[in-house]
Amino acid sequence: MKHHSAKQIAQILDEHAAGMPIATLTARYGIARSTVYRWRTCTAAAGSVHKLEHQNRSLQRHVAELASDKALLQLLLRGER
């Protein structure tokens, strides 16, 4: 069983994305079709997780800003009474 580095996997997937048939990739690199599909699925899932983490950080910042605004408005309302 061969082990491929992350760089090699990325290169193989880039070649596939550029239009190289899987049959050519499997022959060139000595890997199974299922391996290419598994790598493609895993990298797509990793990209989705990264996007969700980024979105979560953004939403957390917005919530913090809104909480701060709410606290300030509550202080102003108490002062007017």
Foldseek 3Di string as FASTA:
>chain_A
DDDDDPVVLVVLLVVVVVPDDLVVSCVVPVDDSVVNVVSVVVVVVVVVVVVVVVVVVVVVVVVVVVVVVVVVVVVVVVVVD
